[in-house]
Amino acid sequence: MTVYTRRRSRRLEVRTTDEERSIIDAAVAASDTDLTAFVVGCSLVEARRVLADRTQFTLSAEALKAWEELNAAPARSLPGVVALMSRPSPFGQRP
């Protein structure tokens, strides 16, 4: 059996009030872990939650069907966009 270990080498320092530290210490003791594992674990859970809507796109089956139907529909002609794209680019080559 292979055992993998991670070596934590980056330091993270935080400041707390006495009350915040007491609550954190009580939670660490209740979870039967150490302070580093507790703080890193909780921080990772929250970080993943915050980033989830920026890194994952999840739809229900019904919403996925509607999304697929929308994407399968032919593109509409938008005269304003056609006119805009027909104009010379202001960033094009200068004489």
Protein backbone atom coordinates (compact mmCIF):
# COMPACT_ATOMS: atom_id res chain seq x y z
CA MET A 1 0.00 0.00 0.00
CA THR A 2 1.38 3.40 -1.02
CA VAL A 3 0.88 6.29 1.37
CA TYR A 4 0.99 9.78 -0.08
CA THR A 5 1.88 12.72 2.11
CA ARG A 6 1.66 16.39 1.29
CA ARG A 7 4.31 18.70 2.56
CA ARG A 8 2.84 22.06 3.37
CA SER A 9 5.45 24.71 2.76
CA ARG A 10 3.45 27.94 2.44
CA ARG A 11 2.63 29.89 5.56
CA LEU A 12 -0.76 31.57 6.11
CA GLU A 13 -1.14 33.95 9.02
CA VAL A 14 -4.44 35.37 10.22
CA ARG A 15 -5.44 37.68 13.01
CA THR A 16 -8.48 36.96 15.16
CA THR A 17 -10.23 38.38 18.17
CA ASP A 18 -10.01 36.43 21.42
CA GLU A 19 -13.64 35.31 20.93
CA GLU A 20 -13.04 34.15 17.34
CA ARG A 21 -9.95 32.18 18.40
CA SER A 22 -11.84 30.55 21.27
CA ILE A 23 -14.60 29.41 18.92
CA ILE A 24 -12.09 28.10 16.39
CA ASP A 25 -10.15 26.27 19.10
CA ALA A 26 -13.38 24.69 20.39
CA ALA A 27 -14.28 23.54 16.87
CA VAL A 28 -10.78 22.12 16.37
CA ALA A 29 -11.10 20.14 19.61
CA ALA A 30 -14.60 18.93 18.68
CA SER A 31 -13.46 17.79 15.25
CA ASP A 32 -10.52 15.81 16.66
CA THR A 33 -7.99 17.40 14.31
CA ASP A 34 -5.25 19.98 14.53
CA LEU A 35 -5.56 23.72 13.93
CA THR A 36 -3.79 23.67 10.55
CA ALA A 37 -5.92 20.85 9.14
CA PHE A 38 -9.09 22.49 10.44
CA VAL A 39 -8.36 25.98 9.11
CA VAL A 40 -7.04 24.77 5.76
CA GLY A 41 -9.95 22.34 5.33
CA CYS A 42 -12.60 24.93 6.13
CA SER A 43 -10.88 27.54 3.98
CA LEU A 44 -10.73 25.16 1.02
CA VAL A 45 -14.42 24.28 1.33
CA GLU A 46 -15.37 27.95 1.33
CA ALA A 47 -12.92 28.84 -1.46
CA ARG A 48 -14.35 26.08 -3.66
CA ARG A 49 -17.89 27.29 -2.91
CA VAL A 50 -17.01 30.87 -3.86
CA LEU A 51 -15.29 29.76 -7.07
CA ALA A 52 -17.88 27.16 -8.09
CA ASP A 53 -20.01 29.49 -10.20
CA ARG A 54 -16.89 30.76 -11.90
CA THR A 55 -15.44 27.34 -12.76
CA GLN A 56 -18.45 25.03 -13.13
CA PHE A 57 -21.62 25.29 -15.15
CA THR A 58 -24.27 22.88 -13.85
CA LEU A 59 -27.82 22.58 -15.17
CA SER A 60 -30.80 20.42 -14.29
CA ALA A 61 -31.95 17.97 -16.96
CA GLU A 62 -34.79 20.31 -17.93
CA ALA A 63 -32.52 23.37 -18.12
CA LEU A 64 -29.94 21.40 -20.12
CA LYS A 65 -32.60 20.42 -22.67
CA ALA A 66 -33.67 24.07 -23.02
CA TRP A 67 -30.01 25.13 -23.37
CA GLU A 68 -29.38 22.53 -26.09
CA GLU A 69 -32.52 23.62 -27.98
CA LEU A 70 -31.44 27.24 -27.81
CA ASN A 71 -27.96 26.42 -29.10
CA ALA A 72 -29.33 24.20 -31.89
CA ALA A 73 -31.55 27.00 -33.25
CA PRO A 74 -30.28 28.82 -36.34
CA ALA A 75 -28.60 32.15 -35.74
CA ARG A 76 -30.76 35.23 -36.21
CA SER A 77 -29.74 37.97 -38.58
CA LEU A 78 -29.16 41.17 -36.63
CA PRO A 79 -28.97 44.13 -39.03
CA GLY A 80 -27.18 46.34 -36.52
CA VAL A 81 -24.43 43.77 -36.01
CA VAL A 82 -24.13 43.22 -39.77
CA ALA A 83 -23.73 46.99 -40.28
CA LEU A 84 -21.18 47.26 -37.48
CA MET A 85 -19.09 44.39 -38.82
CA SER A 86 -19.18 45.92 -42.32
CA ARG A 87 -17.48 49.11 -41.15
CA PRO A 88 -13.71 49.38 -41.40
CA SER A 89 -11.93 48.68 -38.16
CA PRO A 90 -10.56 51.70 -36.34
CA PHE A 91 -7.57 49.48 -35.50
CA GLY A 92 -6.83 48.53 -39.11
CA GLN A 93 -3.79 49.48 -41.17
CA ARG A 94 -3.16 53.19 -41.64
CA PRO A 95 -1.99 54.48 -45.02
